Protein backbone atom coordinates (compact mmCIF):
# COMPACT_ATOMS: atom_id res chain seq x y z
CA MET A 1 22.99 79.35 -171.86
CA ALA A 2 22.02 82.89 -170.37
CA VAL A 3 23.20 85.96 -171.95
CA ALA A 4 24.55 88.49 -169.18
CA PRO A 5 22.81 92.07 -169.53
CA SER A 6 26.01 93.64 -170.56
CA ASP A 7 26.56 91.41 -173.58
CA LYS A 8 22.71 92.38 -174.60
CA PRO A 9 22.38 93.51 -178.19
CA ARG A 10 21.80 97.41 -178.14
CA PRO A 11 20.21 98.05 -181.57
CA ALA A 12 16.80 97.74 -179.54
CA ILE A 13 17.77 100.92 -177.45
CA TYR A 14 17.88 103.30 -180.55
CA ILE A 15 14.41 101.84 -181.70
CA PHE A 16 13.24 103.03 -178.32
CA ALA A 17 14.80 106.19 -178.73
CA VAL A 18 13.44 106.38 -182.10
CA MET A 19 9.48 105.35 -181.91
CA PRO A 20 8.57 108.51 -179.32
CA PRO A 21 9.77 111.00 -182.00
CA LEU A 22 7.55 109.20 -184.63
CA PHE A 23 4.34 109.19 -182.18
CA TRP A 24 5.15 112.93 -180.97
CA ALA A 25 4.85 114.13 -184.77
CA GLY A 26 1.72 112.08 -184.99
CA ASN A 27 0.79 113.84 -182.30
CA PHE A 28 1.38 117.39 -183.90
CA LEU A 29 -0.93 116.45 -186.56
CA VAL A 30 -3.51 115.68 -185.04
CA ALA A 31 -3.16 118.31 -182.65
CA ARG A 32 -3.22 120.69 -185.41
CA LEU A 33 -5.97 118.94 -187.53
CA PHE A 34 -8.23 118.85 -184.48
CA HIS A 35 -7.41 122.08 -182.96
CA GLU A 36 -10.49 123.84 -184.20
CA GLU A 37 -12.95 120.90 -182.94
CA ILE A 38 -11.17 119.94 -179.53
CA PRO A 39 -10.09 122.79 -176.91
CA PRO A 40 -6.06 122.59 -175.71
CA PHE A 41 -6.73 122.15 -172.29
CA GLN A 42 -9.63 119.45 -172.54
CA MET A 43 -7.47 117.79 -175.68
CA SER A 44 -4.66 117.28 -173.27
CA PHE A 45 -6.59 116.33 -170.25
CA TRP A 46 -8.89 113.93 -172.34
CA ARG A 47 -5.75 112.10 -173.73
CA TRP A 48 -4.23 111.60 -170.45
CA LEU A 49 -7.11 110.43 -168.67
CA LEU A 50 -7.57 107.90 -171.46
CA ALA A 51 -4.15 106.71 -170.83
CA LEU A 52 -4.75 106.19 -166.90
CA ALA A 53 -7.59 104.26 -167.49
CA ILE A 54 -5.58 102.15 -169.87
CA ILE A 55 -2.66 101.27 -167.68
CA VAL A 56 -4.39 101.04 -164.06
CA PRO A 57 -5.45 97.73 -164.80
CA PHE A 58 -1.66 96.79 -165.53
CA SER A 59 0.14 98.38 -163.20
CA LEU A 60 -2.94 98.39 -160.44
CA ARG A 61 -0.84 95.39 -158.34
CA ALA A 62 2.47 97.04 -158.44
CA LEU A 63 1.14 100.73 -157.60
CA VAL A 64 -0.15 98.94 -154.24
CA ALA A 65 2.93 96.93 -153.73
CA SER A 66 5.20 99.90 -154.36
CA ARG A 67 3.31 102.48 -151.76
CA PRO A 68 6.32 102.71 -149.44
CA ILE A 69 8.38 104.15 -152.59
CA ILE A 70 5.77 105.96 -153.97
CA ARG A 71 5.23 108.09 -150.73
CA GLN A 72 9.10 108.65 -150.44
CA GLU A 73 9.41 109.97 -153.74
CA LEU A 74 5.66 111.80 -153.87
CA GLY A 75 7.19 115.18 -154.11
CA PHE A 76 9.90 114.51 -157.05
CA LEU A 77 6.85 112.66 -158.68
CA PHE A 78 4.53 115.39 -158.42
CA LEU A 79 7.35 117.93 -160.05
CA LEU A 80 7.58 115.26 -162.95
CA GLY A 81 3.54 115.39 -163.43
CA GLY A 82 3.40 118.72 -163.89
CA ILE A 83 6.12 119.16 -165.80
CA GLY A 84 6.20 115.85 -168.22
CA ILE A 85 2.73 115.58 -168.82
CA ALA A 86 0.61 118.54 -167.77
CA ALA A 87 3.17 121.79 -168.76
CA PHE A 88 4.52 120.16 -171.93
CA ASN A 89 1.72 119.04 -173.42
CA CYS A 90 -0.59 122.06 -172.58
CA PHE A 91 1.92 124.42 -174.17
CA ILE A 92 2.14 122.36 -177.21
CA TYR A 93 -1.78 122.19 -177.98
CA VAL A 94 -2.21 125.82 -177.00
CA ALA A 95 0.71 127.19 -179.24
CA LEU A 96 -1.23 124.80 -181.90
CA GLN A 97 -3.65 127.42 -182.17
CA HIS A 98 -1.99 130.05 -183.13
CA THR A 99 1.20 128.72 -185.30
CA SER A 100 1.74 125.87 -187.95
CA VAL A 101 3.54 122.07 -187.73
CA VAL A 102 6.13 123.45 -189.99
CA ASN A 103 6.90 126.22 -187.07
CA ALA A 104 6.39 123.82 -184.12
CA ALA A 105 8.74 121.34 -185.62
CA LEU A 106 11.89 123.87 -186.46
CA ILE A 107 11.59 125.21 -182.97
CA ASN A 108 10.89 122.01 -181.37
CA SER A 109 14.41 120.55 -183.23
CA LEU A 110 16.03 122.49 -180.86
CA MET A 111 14.64 120.49 -177.99
CA PRO A 112 18.06 118.60 -178.05
CA VAL A 113 19.90 121.42 -177.51
CA VAL A 114 18.14 122.42 -174.51
CA THR A 115 18.44 119.02 -173.19
CA PHE A 116 22.36 118.98 -173.68
CA LEU A 117 22.51 122.39 -171.76
CA LEU A 118 20.03 120.69 -168.91
CA ALA A 119 22.05 117.86 -168.90
CA LEU A 120 25.34 119.69 -168.27
CA ILE A 121 24.11 122.08 -165.26
CA PHE A 122 22.19 119.33 -163.85
CA ILE A 123 24.80 116.35 -164.03
CA GLY A 124 27.42 117.28 -165.94
CA ASP A 125 26.81 115.11 -169.11
CA GLY A 126 29.01 117.64 -171.31
CA LEU A 127 30.07 117.04 -174.98
CA ALA A 128 32.95 115.65 -177.09
CA PRO A 129 34.37 117.73 -179.74
CA ARG A 130 32.85 114.80 -181.94
CA GLN A 131 29.05 115.25 -181.14
CA ILE A 132 28.88 119.04 -180.76
CA VAL A 133 29.68 118.66 -184.91
CA GLY A 134 27.04 116.69 -184.69
CA VAL A 135 24.57 118.77 -182.87
CA ALA A 136 25.32 121.37 -185.49
CA VAL A 137 24.75 118.93 -188.32
CA CYS A 138 21.45 118.13 -186.56
CA VAL A 139 20.38 121.78 -186.48
CA ALA A 140 21.67 122.18 -189.64
CA GLY A 141 19.28 119.48 -191.59
CA ALA A 142 16.46 120.32 -189.10
CA LEU A 143 17.01 124.20 -190.68
CA PHE A 144 17.30 122.86 -194.21
CA ILE A 145 13.58 121.46 -194.27
CA VAL A 146 11.76 123.95 -192.26
CA LEU A 147 13.70 126.59 -194.75
CA ARG A 148 13.04 124.34 -197.97
CA GLY A 149 16.90 124.59 -198.78
CA GLN A 150 16.56 128.06 -199.12
CA ILE A 151 18.44 130.53 -196.65
CA SER A 152 16.49 133.47 -198.26
CA ASN A 153 13.31 131.49 -196.36
CA LEU A 154 14.47 132.45 -193.18
CA GLY A 155 12.88 136.12 -193.36
CA ALA A 156 9.59 134.44 -194.14
CA LEU A 157 9.18 132.83 -190.62
CA VAL A 158 7.63 134.87 -188.41
CA ILE A 159 7.92 134.42 -184.63
CA ASN A 160 4.55 134.56 -182.83
CA VAL A 161 2.81 133.99 -179.26
CA GLY A 162 2.21 130.01 -180.57
CA ASP A 163 6.27 129.87 -181.56
CA ILE A 164 7.22 131.01 -177.87
CA LEU A 165 4.71 128.93 -176.26
CA VAL A 166 6.39 125.34 -178.34
CA LEU A 167 9.84 126.95 -177.18
CA ALA A 168 8.73 126.87 -173.48
CA GLY A 169 6.86 123.69 -173.76
CA LEU A 170 10.29 121.82 -175.28
CA THR A 171 12.45 123.49 -172.50
CA PHE A 172 10.21 121.43 -170.23
CA TRP A 173 10.12 118.49 -171.77
CA ALA A 174 14.06 118.53 -171.86
CA LEU A 175 14.16 119.61 -168.16
CA TYR A 176 12.10 116.27 -167.48
CA THR A 177 14.54 114.28 -169.89
CA VAL A 178 17.42 115.21 -167.49
CA LEU A 179 15.11 115.07 -164.17
CA ILE A 180 14.47 110.79 -164.95
CA ARG A 181 18.42 110.29 -165.55
CA TRP A 182 19.83 113.17 -162.61
CA ARG A 183 17.37 111.22 -159.50
CA ARG A 184 16.47 107.90 -160.97
CA THR A 185 13.17 106.58 -159.84
CA ALA A 186 12.96 103.13 -157.79
CA LEU A 187 9.77 102.54 -158.88
CA PRO A 188 8.71 100.23 -161.65
CA THR A 189 8.52 101.82 -165.15
CA SER A 190 4.51 101.07 -164.98
CA VAL A 191 3.97 102.53 -161.55
CA PHE A 192 6.02 105.40 -162.50
CA LEU A 193 4.12 106.08 -165.30
CA THR A 194 0.74 105.60 -163.82
CA VAL A 195 1.45 107.96 -160.55
CA THR A 196 2.99 110.87 -162.84
CA ILE A 197 0.13 110.61 -165.57
CA ALA A 198 -2.34 110.46 -162.43
CA PHE A 199 -0.42 113.87 -160.91
CA GLY A 200 -0.58 115.12 -164.41
CA VAL A 201 -3.91 115.09 -165.07
CA ILE A 202 -5.25 116.35 -161.42
CA ILE A 203 -2.96 119.35 -162.27
CA HIS A 204 -4.96 119.94 -165.68
CA LEU A 205 -8.20 120.37 -163.75
CA PRO A 206 -8.24 123.99 -163.06
CA PHE A 207 -7.53 124.95 -166.61
CA VAL A 208 -9.93 122.35 -167.65
CA ILE A 209 -12.93 124.18 -165.95
CA TRP A 210 -11.45 127.50 -166.66
CA GLU A 211 -11.60 126.50 -170.44
CA VAL A 212 -15.50 124.82 -170.65
CA GLY A 213 -16.51 127.89 -169.15
CA GLN A 214 -14.59 130.01 -171.75
CA ARG A 215 -15.34 127.94 -174.35
CA GLY A 216 -17.77 125.17 -173.41
CA THR A 217 -16.88 121.48 -174.24
CA PHE A 218 -16.36 119.63 -177.66
CA SER A 219 -18.44 117.37 -179.09
CA ALA A 220 -17.74 113.61 -178.41
CA ASN A 221 -18.17 112.16 -182.26
CA GLY A 222 -15.93 109.52 -183.70
CA ALA A 223 -13.53 111.42 -185.27
CA ASN A 224 -12.97 113.19 -182.05
CA ILE A 225 -13.08 110.08 -179.64
CA ALA A 226 -10.35 108.40 -182.32
CA ALA A 227 -7.90 111.37 -182.18
CA LEU A 228 -8.00 111.11 -178.53
CA VAL A 229 -7.68 107.18 -178.44
CA TYR A 230 -4.46 107.95 -180.81
CA LEU A 231 -3.28 110.94 -178.66
CA ALA A 232 -4.05 108.15 -175.33
CA ILE A 233 -1.77 105.48 -176.29
CA PHE A 234 0.59 106.43 -178.67
CA PRO A 235 2.19 110.10 -177.97
CA SER A 236 1.47 108.71 -174.42
CA LEU A 237 1.80 105.48 -173.12
CA LEU A 238 4.37 103.88 -175.61
CA ALA A 239 5.99 107.27 -176.29
CA TYR A 240 6.76 107.61 -172.83
CA ILE A 241 7.63 104.23 -171.84
CA PHE A 242 10.11 104.37 -174.66
CA TRP A 243 11.65 107.24 -174.02
CA ASN A 244 12.27 106.61 -170.55
CA ARG A 245 14.16 103.45 -171.19
CA ALA A 246 16.14 105.29 -174.07
CA VAL A 247 17.11 107.90 -170.93
CA ALA A 248 18.26 105.10 -168.62
CA ALA A 249 20.27 103.57 -171.25
CA LEU A 250 21.53 106.21 -173.31
CA GLY A 251 21.40 109.47 -171.17
CA PRO A 252 19.45 112.65 -171.44
CA GLY A 253 21.85 114.24 -173.74
CA LYS A 254 22.11 111.53 -176.69
CA THR A 255 18.09 110.41 -176.60
CA GLY A 256 17.42 114.24 -176.88
CA LEU A 257 18.81 114.63 -180.03
CA PHE A 258 16.56 111.78 -181.54
CA MET A 259 13.97 114.52 -181.21
CA TYR A 260 15.52 115.66 -184.70
CA LEU A 261 13.39 113.10 -186.17
CA MET A 262 10.73 114.87 -185.64
CA PRO A 263 11.13 117.48 -188.73
CA ILE A 264 11.69 114.08 -191.00
CA PHE A 265 8.69 112.09 -189.71
CA SER A 266 6.30 115.69 -189.82
CA THR A 267 7.33 115.86 -193.37
CA VAL A 268 6.68 112.10 -193.88
CA LEU A 269 3.17 112.76 -192.55
CA ALA A 270 2.69 115.36 -194.05
CA VAL A 271 2.99 113.56 -196.96
CA LEU A 272 1.13 110.41 -196.33
CA LEU A 273 -1.61 111.95 -194.69
CA LEU A 274 -1.95 115.81 -196.34
CA GLY A 275 -1.01 115.10 -199.95
CA GLU A 276 1.73 117.67 -199.57
CA THR A 277 4.64 117.36 -202.06
CA PHE A 278 8.38 115.46 -201.16
CA ARG A 279 11.06 117.54 -202.69
CA SER A 280 14.53 117.22 -202.84
CA TYR A 281 15.06 119.54 -200.13
CA HIS A 282 13.51 117.49 -197.69
CA LEU A 283 15.86 113.91 -198.31
CA VAL A 284 19.07 116.81 -198.46
CA GLY A 285 17.71 117.59 -194.62
CA MET A 286 17.02 114.04 -193.39
CA LEU A 287 20.62 113.11 -194.65
CA LEU A 288 21.93 115.46 -192.36
CA ILE A 289 20.16 114.70 -189.74
CA PHE A 290 20.87 111.17 -189.92
CA MET A 291 24.59 111.98 -189.97
CA GLY A 292 24.28 114.26 -187.22
CA ILE A 293 23.04 111.39 -184.98
CA ALA A 294 25.27 109.20 -185.70
CA LEU A 295 28.12 111.54 -184.77
CA VAL A 296 27.00 111.89 -181.30
CA THR A 297 25.57 108.07 -180.50
CA ARG A 298 28.78 106.37 -182.07
CA PRO A 299 31.10 105.37 -179.57
CA ALA A 300 34.25 106.62 -179.09
CA PRO A 301 37.31 105.04 -180.32
CA PRO A 302 39.34 103.20 -177.98
CA VAL A 303 42.25 104.59 -176.55
CA LEU A 304 45.65 102.47 -177.17
CA ALA A 305 47.65 102.66 -174.13
CA MET A 306 51.37 103.08 -174.84
CA ARG A 307 53.46 99.57 -173.81
């Protein structure tokens, strides 16, 4: 017997929301590790050009069939390509030339708060008191990790141009998250992603040309190519597909909250790949973040009617 769509189990939706922060944590580490090898605009451009080359063969037939819808939504798709593909990534990659992954992860953990604020402005998607508490708990957990469990370390955090650029980048991503819910596209996911990536690649071009003139091109060695292939597949195609599906099912506010997992994933990746030590404050911060996410995403209790 067929299962009605409303009866399908929902845990997969939360997996869709969890995977993008994991892939984007890897994106931060790769961008920082290769920041001296690959200039930021070229890193973002080649990442998305490779992603476009991968997705086009799978979406070409649907792309041709969707031409009337693409023409109707052309301006909006161009805007999303500029915000979600070009601006967000370029700001982050330039930022990681100047700031650490830890600082970037801390500032990026503000994204759910920015997303909720923009969602309130654009679609009136407010928060219940329980959800406000959840956001506060998530912020506390993210701060606890970055401050290493000591409030006194707050004074050691130095705001620099890289930190400001991360803030700008996350604001663009929060806006992208809200816009794809505020005005839902009629395009299939593969076509939507193909078109927005194509626009994003085009918008990159003047910045790449300027950067090549200033810094030259990068070496196409095995390590650099492997880094770009990772960036093209995981934090690009897979992350965006999963993220868009999660936003459609959960809304931009709840989905944005899962970005608080990035400090956790960044810590785990640093331990596994960079040999850093896992400490007690990591565990406490992670538990706080998971508690906060549970508070925001848990369904509200049913209201009992008086009889």
